[in-house]
Structures are given as structure tokens and as C-alpha cells.
Amino acid sequence: MNFLSFGHYHHDMCLVLHRSLQLDNNSMLSFTLAMRDGQAFDTVLSRAKSMGLAVREGRLLASAKPVARAFSIQDPDRHWIEIILEN
């Protein structure tokens, strides 16, 4: 496990390699982008839906810290991109 900080949090990015970890999304290929502006979050969600992307509501991992709102999409290589609205 490697933590990277850009000066905002203890870790702005956490990189994990764990061969036997089974994630709720059946994939280890994911990352999360955090937002603090609810209107911007709604704009990104609306744009994803208008583009015809499959949207998965809620956190990718049930065990992840609770947030105000969250959704995920998959890129063409099937990597999950999670967008969260922090409390």
C-alpha cells in the first residue's frame, strides 16, 4: 500500500496491490474522484447519463467511508471511475 499526498489530505491517493482482495465491484481496476460542490456533482452525473454511459449509483465498495452521494461509470477498458460528493 502506497499513500500519495498533494497537501490536501493524509492521502489524496492510495495505491493498493493485493492479490487475494475481492472487491465489491468484482474488479481491482478502479479509482475515485472526490468533489465538494453539489451542483458540479449533479452536472457531471447528468452529463454521464446524457452520453449514454451506464451509471452505477452508490459507492463501489460497501465498506468505503460514507459520503453524501456517489456514482460510478466504466471506461472503455472496463476500469471503474467512482465520483463521490464529500459531506
Protein backbone atom coordinates (compact mmCIF):
# COMPACT_ATOMS: atom_id res chain seq x y z
CA MET A 1 0.00 0.00 0.00
CA ASN A 2 1.40 3.38 -1.03
CA PHE A 3 -0.04 6.73 0.02
CA LEU A 4 0.46 9.90 -2.02
CA SER A 5 -0.44 13.34 -0.68
CA PHE A 6 -0.81 16.54 -2.64
CA GLY A 7 -1.12 18.54 0.58
CA HIS A 8 -4.90 18.33 1.00
CA TYR A 9 -5.37 15.10 2.98
CA HIS A 10 -3.28 12.45 4.73
CA HIS A 11 -3.50 10.66 1.41
CA ASP A 12 -5.00 12.12 -1.73
CA MET A 13 -4.23 8.86 -3.49
CA CYS A 14 -3.79 5.33 -2.17
CA LEU A 15 -2.33 2.62 -4.40
CA VAL A 16 -3.00 -0.95 -3.32
CA LEU A 17 -1.74 -4.25 -4.71
CA HIS A 18 -3.37 -7.21 -3.02
CA ARG A 19 -3.60 -10.46 -4.96
CA SER A 20 -6.40 -12.04 -2.93
CA LEU A 21 -8.55 -8.97 -2.25
CA GLN A 22 -12.07 -9.40 -3.64
CA LEU A 23 -13.74 -6.05 -4.22
CA ASP A 24 -17.48 -5.44 -4.31
CA ASN A 25 -17.23 -4.35 -7.94
CA ASN A 26 -15.53 -7.64 -8.98
CA SER A 27 -12.56 -5.62 -10.18
CA MET A 28 -9.36 -4.14 -8.82
CA LEU A 29 -9.17 -1.60 -11.62
CA SER A 30 -10.81 1.49 -10.14
CA PHE A 31 -10.18 4.95 -8.81
CA THR A 32 -12.22 7.63 -7.07
CA LEU A 33 -12.55 11.34 -7.76
CA ALA A 34 -13.86 13.48 -4.89
CA MET A 35 -16.00 16.58 -5.36
CA ARG A 36 -17.19 19.12 -2.82
CA ASP A 37 -19.65 21.11 -4.95
CA GLY A 38 -23.11 19.52 -5.16
CA GLN A 39 -24.11 21.46 -8.29
CA ALA A 40 -20.93 20.36 -10.10
CA PHE A 41 -21.59 16.76 -8.98
CA ASP A 42 -25.11 16.93 -10.46
CA THR A 43 -23.70 18.37 -13.70
CA VAL A 44 -21.17 15.53 -14.05
CA LEU A 45 -23.85 12.91 -13.28
CA SER A 46 -26.27 14.45 -15.81
CA ARG A 47 -23.52 14.60 -18.45
CA ALA A 48 -22.60 10.93 -17.90
CA LYS A 49 -26.25 9.93 -18.33
CA SER A 50 -26.75 12.15 -21.40
CA MET A 51 -23.71 10.49 -23.00
CA GLY A 52 -25.44 7.12 -22.59
CA LEU A 53 -22.91 5.81 -20.09
CA ALA A 54 -24.03 3.08 -17.74
CA VAL A 55 -24.19 4.68 -14.29
CA ARG A 56 -23.92 2.65 -11.10
CA GLU A 57 -25.36 4.57 -8.13
CA GLY A 58 -23.67 4.41 -4.72
CA ARG A 59 -20.15 3.50 -3.57
CA LEU A 60 -18.14 0.81 -5.38
CA LEU A 61 -17.17 -0.72 -2.07
CA ALA A 62 -19.83 -1.26 0.57
CA SER A 63 -17.06 -0.95 3.18
CA ALA A 64 -15.92 2.50 1.93
CA LYS A 65 -16.46 5.55 4.12
CA PRO A 66 -19.92 7.06 3.83
CA VAL A 67 -20.26 10.12 1.60
CA ALA A 68 -23.17 12.39 0.68
CA ARG A 69 -23.61 10.84 -2.79
CA ALA A 70 -21.68 8.63 -5.19
CA PHE A 71 -21.87 7.05 -8.62
CA SER A 72 -19.55 5.11 -10.92
CA ILE A 73 -19.05 4.62 -14.63
CA GLN A 74 -16.76 2.31 -16.60
CA ASP A 75 -14.26 3.48 -19.18
CA PRO A 76 -13.82 1.56 -22.47
CA ASP A 77 -11.15 -0.65 -20.84
CA ARG A 78 -13.64 -1.57 -18.07
CA HIS A 79 -11.87 0.44 -15.34
CA TRP A 80 -14.35 1.81 -12.81
CA ILE A 81 -14.34 5.56 -12.21
CA GLU A 82 -16.11 6.47 -8.99
CA ILE A 83 -17.25 10.07 -8.42
CA ILE A 84 -18.11 11.00 -4.82
CA LEU A 85 -19.64 14.08 -3.27
CA GLU A 86 -17.98 14.50 0.10
CA ASN A 87 -20.01 15.53 3.12
